[in-house]
C-alpha cells in the first residue's frame, strides 16, 4: 500500500496539519492574558500586576533560552517525534493549568509551557522547508504563519468562554483538544526523507559536545547568518511592540475606550497580516524563479511598508490614519514573516537550519521582552506613540544591511 507521504499533494497536507499545531501553540499561551480577571477571584496573588507580569515573563525567558537548544535537537532527531511530543506536553500542561489552585503551581506550569512550546517552531518550519524546497517554500511558510495569527486572535476568546463556563474549563478543554490532536499527528504526519537526507541525518544525529560545537560554529561562523540574525531581530522590536501595546496606542491616539480599541486594533493587524503572508509568499516564490534575491527583495519590501506604518501609528490621531497604519504594518510584517525561513534556507544547510532558526527565535523573543518593558515606562510617561515611531530606525538599518550584503548562490542550500 502506498504511503500517504508519497502522494503528490502531501507537502500541502503537512502545511495543513502543522497549521493547526501553530494555532494551538499561540492559542494556549495567549489565553492566560485574557482570563486574568476571572482567575484572580480564585488565586488572589494574580490581583497584583507584578505577580501577573512574573507569570508572563517566565514563559518568555524560558521560551527564548530554549529556542536554540530546540533547534539543535530538531536537526538531530525525527522532526515528527519532536513536534508530536512538544504538542502533547504543552497541551497536557494547558489542561493541568485548569486544575491549579495556587500561584506557585501556575508559575511552574507556565515555565514548563515555555520549554515545551519552544520545541515546536524550529522543527515545524524546518519540516515545511524540507517538503517545500523550491517554488512553494515562501507560500507554504506564509500559510503556516497564519495559524499563529489565528491562534493569537482566538486566544482573546478565552475570556468569553471562561465567562460562560469557568477559566478552569477553558484550560482543560483546549488542553484535551491538543492532546487528542497529537495522536492525529502520529497517524498522518511523516518526516521528510530521501536516501541522501537520511544519510545526512544519521551523520548529524550525535548529541556529543563536539557535534553541538560544530553545528553552532558552522552557523555562527557564517557572516551571512549574522546579517540574517540582525534582519530578523530588528523588526522584532516593533513586532512585539505592536503585538503587546497596539490596543493601548489605539485607545490613547483615538481617545476611545479599551473595549473598542482592543478588537479594532487586533482585528486590523490580524486581517492585514493574513493578507501580507499570502501575498508575500506568492510574490517571493515567483520572484525567486527570475532572481535568486527574490525572497530577499520581498522581505525588504515588506519591512519598507512598516516604516511609514510606524509613523502613522505613532503620530496619527484620526481613525483613517491609525487604522491605515495598522493595516500597512500588518501587510508589511506578514510579507517579512513569510520569508524568514526561506531566506535562511538559501544560506544555511538543511543540516543546521532548525538550529539557525532557533537562534533567530531566541533573539527575537529577547528583543520582545526588552521592548515590552521599555514601552511600559513610555506609556506611564505619556510618550508611547513617539517611542513606537522610533522603532522604524532599526528596521531601516536592517533593510540596508540585507540588500547590501546578502548575495545568495542557490534557492536551497543542502551541503
Protein backbone atom coordinates (compact mmCIF):
# COMPACT_ATOMS: atom_id res chain seq x y z
CA UNK A 1 0.00 0.00 0.00
CA UNK A 2 1.32 3.42 -0.99
CA UNK A 3 2.29 5.60 1.98
CA UNK A 4 0.39 8.88 2.31
CA UNK A 5 3.73 10.75 2.40
CA UNK A 6 4.38 9.65 -1.19
CA UNK A 7 1.31 11.34 -2.62
CA UNK A 8 1.84 14.36 -4.86
CA UNK A 9 -0.02 16.82 -2.63
CA UNK A 10 1.33 15.54 0.71
CA UNK A 11 3.63 18.60 1.18
CA UNK A 12 0.45 20.69 1.47
CA UNK A 13 -1.07 18.13 3.84
CA UNK A 14 1.95 18.76 6.08
CA UNK A 15 1.24 22.51 6.00
CA UNK A 16 -2.40 21.85 6.91
CA UNK A 17 -1.51 19.52 9.76
CA UNK A 18 1.04 21.94 11.19
CA UNK A 19 -1.28 24.93 10.71
CA UNK A 20 -3.46 23.52 13.49
CA UNK A 21 -0.40 22.94 15.69
CA UNK A 22 0.66 26.55 15.12
CA UNK A 23 -2.82 27.75 16.05
CA UNK A 24 -2.77 25.76 19.30
CA UNK A 25 0.78 26.96 20.01
CA UNK A 26 -0.34 30.60 20.20
CA UNK A 27 -3.85 29.95 21.48
CA UNK A 28 -2.71 28.05 24.57
CA UNK A 29 -0.11 30.64 25.54
CA UNK A 30 -2.40 33.63 24.83
CA UNK A 31 -5.45 32.55 26.84
CA UNK A 32 -3.83 33.35 30.17
CA UNK A 33 -3.55 37.06 29.38
CA UNK A 34 -7.29 37.33 28.68
CA UNK A 35 -8.54 35.50 31.77
CA UNK A 36 -6.74 37.44 34.50
CA UNK A 37 -9.91 38.94 35.99
CA UNK A 38 -11.64 35.56 36.34
CA UNK A 39 -8.55 33.78 37.65
CA UNK A 40 -7.71 36.31 40.35
CA UNK A 41 -11.04 35.59 42.02
CA UNK A 42 -9.70 32.13 42.85
CA UNK A 43 -5.96 32.87 43.02
CA UNK A 44 -5.52 36.09 44.97
CA UNK A 45 -1.86 36.64 44.03
CA UNK A 46 -2.93 37.41 40.44
CA UNK A 47 -4.65 40.59 41.60
CA UNK A 48 -1.30 42.40 41.53
CA UNK A 49 0.21 43.44 38.21
CA UNK A 50 3.68 42.47 39.46
CA UNK A 51 2.74 38.83 40.01
CA UNK A 52 0.85 38.62 36.73
CA UNK A 53 3.87 40.09 34.97
CA UNK A 54 6.08 37.42 36.55
CA UNK A 55 3.77 34.76 35.22
CA UNK A 56 4.00 36.16 31.69
CA UNK A 57 7.75 36.83 31.87
CA UNK A 58 8.80 33.34 32.98
CA UNK A 59 7.28 31.93 29.80
CA UNK A 60 9.10 34.42 27.56
CA UNK A 61 12.54 33.98 29.10
CA UNK A 62 12.46 30.17 29.15
CA UNK A 63 10.99 30.13 25.63
CA UNK A 64 13.79 32.39 24.41
CA UNK A 65 16.64 30.49 26.07
CA UNK A 66 15.23 27.12 24.98
CA UNK A 67 14.79 28.08 21.31
CA UNK A 68 18.38 27.47 20.10
CA UNK A 69 18.52 24.21 22.06
CA UNK A 70 15.25 23.20 20.38
CA UNK A 71 16.82 23.90 17.00
CA UNK A 72 19.88 21.77 17.77
CA UNK A 73 17.60 18.92 18.82
CA UNK A 74 15.42 19.26 15.71
CA UNK A 75 18.48 18.91 13.47
CA UNK A 76 19.38 15.61 15.12
CA UNK A 77 16.19 13.62 15.72
CA UNK A 78 12.91 12.94 13.98
CA UNK A 79 11.09 16.26 13.50
CA UNK A 80 7.79 14.40 13.65
CA UNK A 81 8.66 12.95 17.05
CA UNK A 82 9.70 16.36 18.35
CA UNK A 83 6.56 18.10 17.05
CA UNK A 84 4.22 15.45 18.44
CA UNK A 85 6.00 15.38 21.81
CA UNK A 86 6.00 19.17 22.04
CA UNK A 87 2.29 19.43 21.29
CA UNK A 88 1.38 16.63 23.68
CA UNK A 89 3.39 18.08 26.58
CA UNK A 90 2.25 21.70 26.27
CA UNK A 91 -1.36 20.58 25.80
CA UNK A 92 -1.11 18.41 28.91
CA UNK A 93 0.31 21.42 30.77
CA UNK A 94 -2.56 23.58 29.49
CA UNK A 95 -5.01 21.01 30.83
CA UNK A 96 -3.23 20.87 34.20
CA UNK A 97 -3.42 24.66 34.49
CA UNK A 98 -7.16 24.16 34.76
CA UNK A 99 -6.57 22.25 38.00
CA UNK A 100 -4.10 24.75 39.53
CA UNK A 101 -5.10 26.19 42.89
CA UNK A 102 -2.08 28.34 43.78
CA UNK A 103 0.12 30.94 42.12
CA UNK A 104 3.19 28.74 42.58
CA UNK A 105 1.52 25.89 40.68
CA UNK A 106 0.65 28.22 37.80
CA UNK A 107 4.20 29.62 37.78
CA UNK A 108 5.81 26.18 37.47
CA UNK A 109 3.36 25.08 34.79
CA UNK A 110 3.87 28.28 32.83
CA UNK A 111 7.64 27.74 32.94
CA UNK A 112 7.29 24.20 31.57
CA UNK A 113 4.94 25.52 28.89
CA UNK A 114 7.68 27.89 27.72
CA UNK A 115 10.09 24.97 27.49
CA UNK A 116 7.73 22.63 25.62
CA UNK A 117 6.32 25.24 23.21
CA UNK A 118 9.83 26.37 22.23
CA UNK A 119 10.47 22.91 20.78
CA UNK A 120 7.85 23.35 18.06
CA UNK A 121 8.68 26.35 15.84
CA UNK A 122 12.21 25.37 14.66
CA UNK A 123 11.12 21.79 13.96
CA UNK A 124 7.83 22.79 12.32
CA UNK A 125 9.30 25.40 9.99
CA UNK A 126 12.24 23.16 9.13
CA UNK A 127 9.91 20.28 8.21
CA UNK A 128 7.87 22.59 5.96
CA UNK A 129 11.10 23.77 4.34
CA UNK A 130 12.08 20.14 3.72
CA UNK A 131 8.84 19.40 1.89
CA UNK A 132 8.69 22.73 0.00
CA UNK A 133 12.18 23.11 -1.37
CA UNK A 134 11.88 25.46 -4.32
CA UNK A 135 8.86 27.14 -5.85
CA UNK A 136 6.38 26.93 -2.95
CA UNK A 137 8.52 27.46 0.15
CA UNK A 138 7.53 31.06 0.97
CA UNK A 139 3.82 30.47 0.35
CA UNK A 140 3.87 27.32 2.49
CA UNK A 141 5.69 29.17 5.28
CA UNK A 142 3.25 32.08 5.00
CA UNK A 143 0.19 29.84 5.24
CA UNK A 144 1.67 28.20 8.32
CA UNK A 145 2.25 31.62 9.88
CA UNK A 146 -1.46 32.42 9.54
CA UNK A 147 -2.06 29.62 12.04
CA UNK A 148 -0.05 31.61 14.60
CA UNK A 149 -2.11 34.73 13.81
CA UNK A 150 -5.41 32.86 14.16
CA UNK A 151 -4.26 31.30 17.43
CA UNK A 152 -3.36 34.68 18.83
CA UNK A 153 -6.72 36.12 17.78
CA UNK A 154 -8.70 33.16 19.14
CA UNK A 155 -6.82 33.42 22.42
CA UNK A 156 -8.84 36.56 23.05
CA UNK A 157 -11.97 34.43 23.29
CA UNK A 158 -10.58 32.72 26.37
CA UNK A 159 -12.23 35.40 28.48
CA UNK A 160 -15.56 34.86 26.69
CA UNK A 161 -15.52 31.10 27.27
CA UNK A 162 -14.40 31.49 30.86
CA UNK A 163 -17.29 33.92 31.45
CA UNK A 164 -19.73 31.35 30.07
CA UNK A 165 -18.23 28.41 31.99
CA UNK A 166 -15.02 28.93 34.00
CA UNK A 167 -11.32 29.58 33.47
CA UNK A 168 -10.64 26.03 34.66
CA UNK A 169 -12.95 24.61 32.00
CA UNK A 170 -11.28 26.72 29.31
CA UNK A 171 -7.78 25.46 30.08
CA UNK A 172 -8.97 21.87 30.45
CA UNK A 173 -10.93 21.88 27.19
CA UNK A 174 -8.21 23.29 24.95
CA UNK A 175 -5.63 21.11 26.66
CA UNK A 176 -7.63 17.98 25.84
CA UNK A 177 -8.05 19.14 22.22
CA UNK A 178 -4.27 19.41 21.85
CA UNK A 179 -3.62 16.02 23.47
CA UNK A 180 -6.10 14.34 21.12
CA UNK A 181 -4.64 16.12 18.09
CA UNK A 182 -1.15 14.85 18.94
CA UNK A 183 -2.45 11.33 18.25
CA UNK A 184 -3.82 12.51 14.91
CA UNK A 185 -0.31 13.68 14.01
CA UNK A 186 1.12 10.28 14.94
CA UNK A 187 -1.06 8.76 12.23
CA UNK A 188 -0.75 11.34 9.45
CA UNK A 189 2.46 13.37 9.88
CA UNK A 190 5.67 11.94 8.41
CA UNK A 191 9.29 13.04 8.34
CA UNK A 192 10.75 14.07 5.01
CA UNK A 193 13.31 11.54 3.84
CA UNK A 194 15.35 10.69 0.76
CA UNK A 195 18.36 8.44 0.62
CA UNK A 196 20.68 11.46 0.81
CA UNK A 197 18.95 13.24 3.67
CA UNK A 198 18.64 10.02 5.63
CA UNK A 199 22.42 9.58 5.49
CA UNK A 200 22.97 13.22 6.47
CA UNK A 201 20.59 12.98 9.41
CA UNK A 202 22.30 9.84 10.65
CA UNK A 203 25.69 11.53 10.45
CA UNK A 204 24.42 14.57 12.37
CA UNK A 205 22.45 12.62 14.97
CA UNK A 206 25.08 12.67 17.72
CA UNK A 207 24.45 14.80 20.78
CA UNK A 208 28.07 14.87 21.92
CA UNK A 209 29.70 18.20 22.75
CA UNK A 210 31.88 18.14 19.65
CA UNK A 211 28.86 17.77 17.38
CA UNK A 212 26.98 20.60 19.08
CA UNK A 213 30.01 22.90 18.91
CA UNK A 214 30.43 22.04 15.23
CA UNK A 215 26.81 22.97 14.47
CA UNK A 216 26.97 26.28 16.31
CA UNK A 217 30.42 27.02 14.92
CA UNK A 218 29.25 26.41 11.37
CA UNK A 219 26.21 28.68 11.79
CA UNK A 220 27.88 31.46 13.76
CA UNK A 221 30.95 31.34 11.57
CA UNK A 222 28.91 32.43 8.57
CA UNK A 223 28.74 36.21 8.07
CA UNK A 224 25.51 35.84 6.12
CA UNK A 225 23.84 34.29 9.17
CA UNK A 226 24.76 37.30 11.33
CA UNK A 227 23.16 39.58 8.74
CA UNK A 228 20.02 37.42 8.72
CA UNK A 229 20.03 37.39 12.53
CA UNK A 230 20.05 41.20 12.64
CA UNK A 231 17.47 41.36 9.84
CA UNK A 232 15.21 39.10 11.95
CA UNK A 233 15.84 40.76 15.32
CA UNK A 234 15.49 44.44 14.34
CA UNK A 235 11.84 44.13 13.21
CA UNK A 236 11.10 42.07 16.34
CA UNK A 237 11.23 45.31 18.35
CA UNK A 238 8.24 46.90 16.55
CA UNK A 239 6.66 43.46 16.01
CA UNK A 240 6.38 42.76 19.74
CA UNK A 241 5.61 46.41 20.49
CA UNK A 242 2.59 46.30 18.19
CA UNK A 243 1.52 42.89 19.48
CA UNK A 244 1.56 43.99 23.14
CA UNK A 245 0.80 47.71 23.02
CA UNK A 246 -1.39 48.46 20.00
CA UNK A 247 -4.71 48.36 21.94
CA UNK A 248 -3.30 50.97 24.34
CA UNK A 249 -1.99 53.00 21.40
CA UNK A 250 -5.39 52.97 19.66
CA UNK A 251 -7.11 53.99 22.89
CA UNK A 252 -4.73 56.90 23.51
CA UNK A 253 -4.41 58.24 19.96
CA UNK A 254 -8.10 57.95 19.10
CA UNK A 255 -9.37 58.75 22.60
CA UNK A 256 -11.66 55.70 22.70
CA UNK A 257 -12.44 53.11 25.35
CA UNK A 258 -10.29 49.97 25.55
CA UNK A 259 -13.37 47.82 24.95
CA UNK A 260 -13.47 49.27 21.43
CA UNK A 261 -9.75 49.84 20.95
CA UNK A 262 -8.88 46.20 21.70
CA UNK A 263 -10.89 44.41 18.99
CA UNK A 264 -10.45 47.27 16.49
CA UNK A 265 -6.66 47.12 16.73
CA UNK A 266 -6.18 43.35 16.89
CA UNK A 267 -8.61 42.63 14.04
CA UNK A 268 -6.90 45.26 11.86
CA UNK A 269 -3.48 43.70 12.47
CA UNK A 270 -4.62 40.06 12.18
CA UNK A 271 -6.57 40.54 8.95
CA UNK A 272 -3.85 42.56 7.22
CA UNK A 273 -1.11 40.18 8.38
CA UNK A 274 -3.05 37.33 6.80
CA UNK A 275 -3.07 39.23 3.51
CA UNK A 276 0.63 40.01 3.89
CA UNK A 277 1.88 36.45 4.42
CA UNK A 278 -0.14 35.07 1.50
CA UNK A 279 0.81 37.91 -0.86
CA UNK A 280 4.41 37.84 0.32
CA UNK A 281 4.61 34.09 -0.16
CA UNK A 282 3.22 34.14 -3.69
CA UNK A 283 5.35 37.12 -4.74
CA UNK A 284 8.54 35.63 -3.29
CA UNK A 285 8.04 32.21 -4.87
CA UNK A 286 7.55 33.82 -8.28
CA UNK A 287 10.33 36.38 -7.93
CA UNK A 288 12.97 33.86 -6.87
CA UNK A 289 12.44 31.97 -10.16
CA UNK A 290 13.73 35.02 -12.03
CA UNK A 291 16.24 36.32 -9.46
CA UNK A 292 17.92 34.47 -6.59
CA UNK A 293 17.48 37.60 -4.46
CA UNK A 294 13.70 37.48 -4.97
CA UNK A 295 13.00 36.34 -1.43
CA UNK A 296 15.35 39.00 -0.05
CA UNK A 297 13.68 41.70 -2.14
CA UNK A 298 10.23 40.56 -0.97
CA UNK A 299 11.26 40.60 2.70
CA UNK A 300 12.84 44.05 2.29
CA UNK A 301 9.71 45.33 0.54
CA UNK A 302 7.57 44.11 3.42
CA UNK A 303 9.78 45.80 6.01
CA UNK A 304 9.75 49.01 3.96
CA UNK A 305 5.96 49.14 4.40
CA UNK A 306 6.32 49.01 8.19
CA UNK A 307 8.36 52.24 8.28
CA UNK A 308 5.55 54.67 7.27
CA UNK A 309 3.16 52.42 9.21
CA UNK A 310 5.04 53.05 12.46
CA UNK A 311 4.93 56.79 11.81
CA UNK A 312 1.18 56.69 11.18
CA UNK A 313 0.65 54.64 14.31
CA UNK A 314 2.96 56.75 16.44
CA UNK A 315 1.69 60.20 15.49
CA UNK A 316 -1.73 59.57 13.94
CA UNK A 317 -4.83 60.89 15.68
CA UNK A 318 -7.52 60.16 13.10
CA UNK A 319 -9.35 56.88 12.61
CA UNK A 320 -8.25 56.55 8.98
CA UNK A 321 -4.61 57.37 9.77
CA UNK A 322 -4.27 54.96 12.71
CA UNK A 323 -6.17 52.06 11.13
CA UNK A 324 -4.31 52.69 7.87
CA UNK A 325 -1.04 52.44 9.78
CA UNK A 326 -2.15 49.17 11.40
CA UNK A 327 -3.17 47.67 8.05
CA UNK A 328 0.06 48.77 6.39
CA UNK A 329 2.10 47.35 9.25
CA UNK A 330 0.23 44.03 9.17
CA UNK A 331 0.72 43.59 5.41
CA UNK A 332 4.40 44.51 5.59
CA UNK A 333 5.16 42.36 8.63
CA UNK A 334 3.29 39.44 7.08
CA UNK A 335 5.48 39.65 3.95
CA UNK A 336 8.52 39.67 6.25
CA UNK A 337 7.23 36.70 8.26
CA UNK A 338 6.63 34.57 5.17
CA UNK A 339 10.25 34.83 4.03
CA UNK A 340 12.42 34.41 7.14
CA UNK A 341 12.92 30.66 6.95
CA UNK A 342 13.08 30.64 3.11
CA UNK A 343 15.88 33.25 3.19
CA UNK A 344 17.71 31.25 5.86
CA UNK A 345 17.47 28.16 3.63
CA UNK A 346 19.44 29.98 0.92
CA UNK A 347 22.46 30.42 3.22
CA UNK A 348 22.34 27.63 5.82
CA UNK A 349 22.47 23.91 5.08
CA UNK A 350 19.42 21.75 5.73
CA UNK A 351 21.52 20.02 8.43
CA UNK A 352 21.68 23.21 10.52
CA UNK A 353 18.67 25.34 9.61
CA UNK A 354 16.50 24.35 12.62
CA UNK A 355 19.33 25.40 14.94
CA UNK A 356 19.74 28.61 12.94
CA UNK A 357 16.07 29.47 13.27
CA UNK A 358 16.20 28.60 16.97
CA UNK A 359 18.91 31.23 17.46
CA UNK A 360 16.83 33.74 15.49
CA UNK A 361 13.77 32.94 17.58
CA UNK A 362 15.76 33.47 20.79
CA UNK A 363 16.99 36.93 19.81
CA UNK A 364 13.54 37.91 18.59
CA UNK A 365 11.83 36.97 21.85
CA UNK A 366 14.53 38.66 23.95
CA UNK A 367 14.01 41.81 21.86
CA UNK A 368 10.29 41.50 22.56
CA UNK A 369 10.76 41.14 26.31
CA UNK A 370 13.06 44.18 26.35
CA UNK A 371 10.83 46.47 24.29
CA UNK A 372 7.65 45.43 26.11
CA UNK A 373 9.15 46.55 29.42
CA UNK A 374 10.59 49.76 27.91
CA UNK A 375 7.28 50.78 26.34
CA UNK A 376 5.51 50.22 29.64
CA UNK A 377 7.64 53.03 31.03
CA UNK A 378 6.93 55.09 27.89
CA UNK A 379 3.21 54.66 28.46
CA UNK A 380 3.50 55.92 32.03
CA UNK A 381 5.50 58.91 30.72
CA UNK A 382 2.91 59.68 28.00
CA UNK A 383 5.33 59.06 25.10
CA UNK A 384 4.15 55.66 23.80
CA UNK A 385 3.34 56.84 20.27
CA UNK A 386 6.58 58.75 19.82
CA UNK A 387 8.74 55.88 21.08
CA UNK A 388 6.97 53.35 18.85
CA UNK A 389 7.71 55.56 15.83
CA UNK A 390 11.43 55.48 16.76
CA UNK A 391 11.40 51.71 16.17
CA UNK A 392 11.43 52.46 12.43
CA UNK A 393 15.16 53.26 12.80
CA UNK A 394 16.43 49.68 13.41
CA UNK A 395 14.09 48.48 10.65
CA UNK A 396 15.74 50.91 8.20
CA UNK A 397 19.18 49.63 9.20
CA UNK A 398 18.06 46.01 8.71
CA UNK A 399 16.79 46.73 5.19
CA UNK A 400 20.01 48.47 4.14
CA UNK A 401 22.20 45.71 5.59
CA UNK A 402 20.09 42.98 3.99
CA UNK A 403 20.13 44.46 0.50
CA UNK A 404 23.79 45.49 0.61
CA UNK A 405 25.34 42.27 1.86
CA UNK A 406 23.28 39.14 1.12
CA UNK A 407 24.10 37.51 -2.23
CA UNK A 408 22.56 34.04 -2.43
CA UNK A 409 24.03 31.45 -4.80
CA UNK A 410 21.17 28.95 -4.60
CA UNK A 411 17.46 28.70 -3.79
CA UNK A 412 18.09 25.85 -1.36
CA UNK A 413 21.42 25.09 0.29
CA UNK A 414 21.81 21.40 1.04
CA UNK A 415 25.54 20.97 1.78
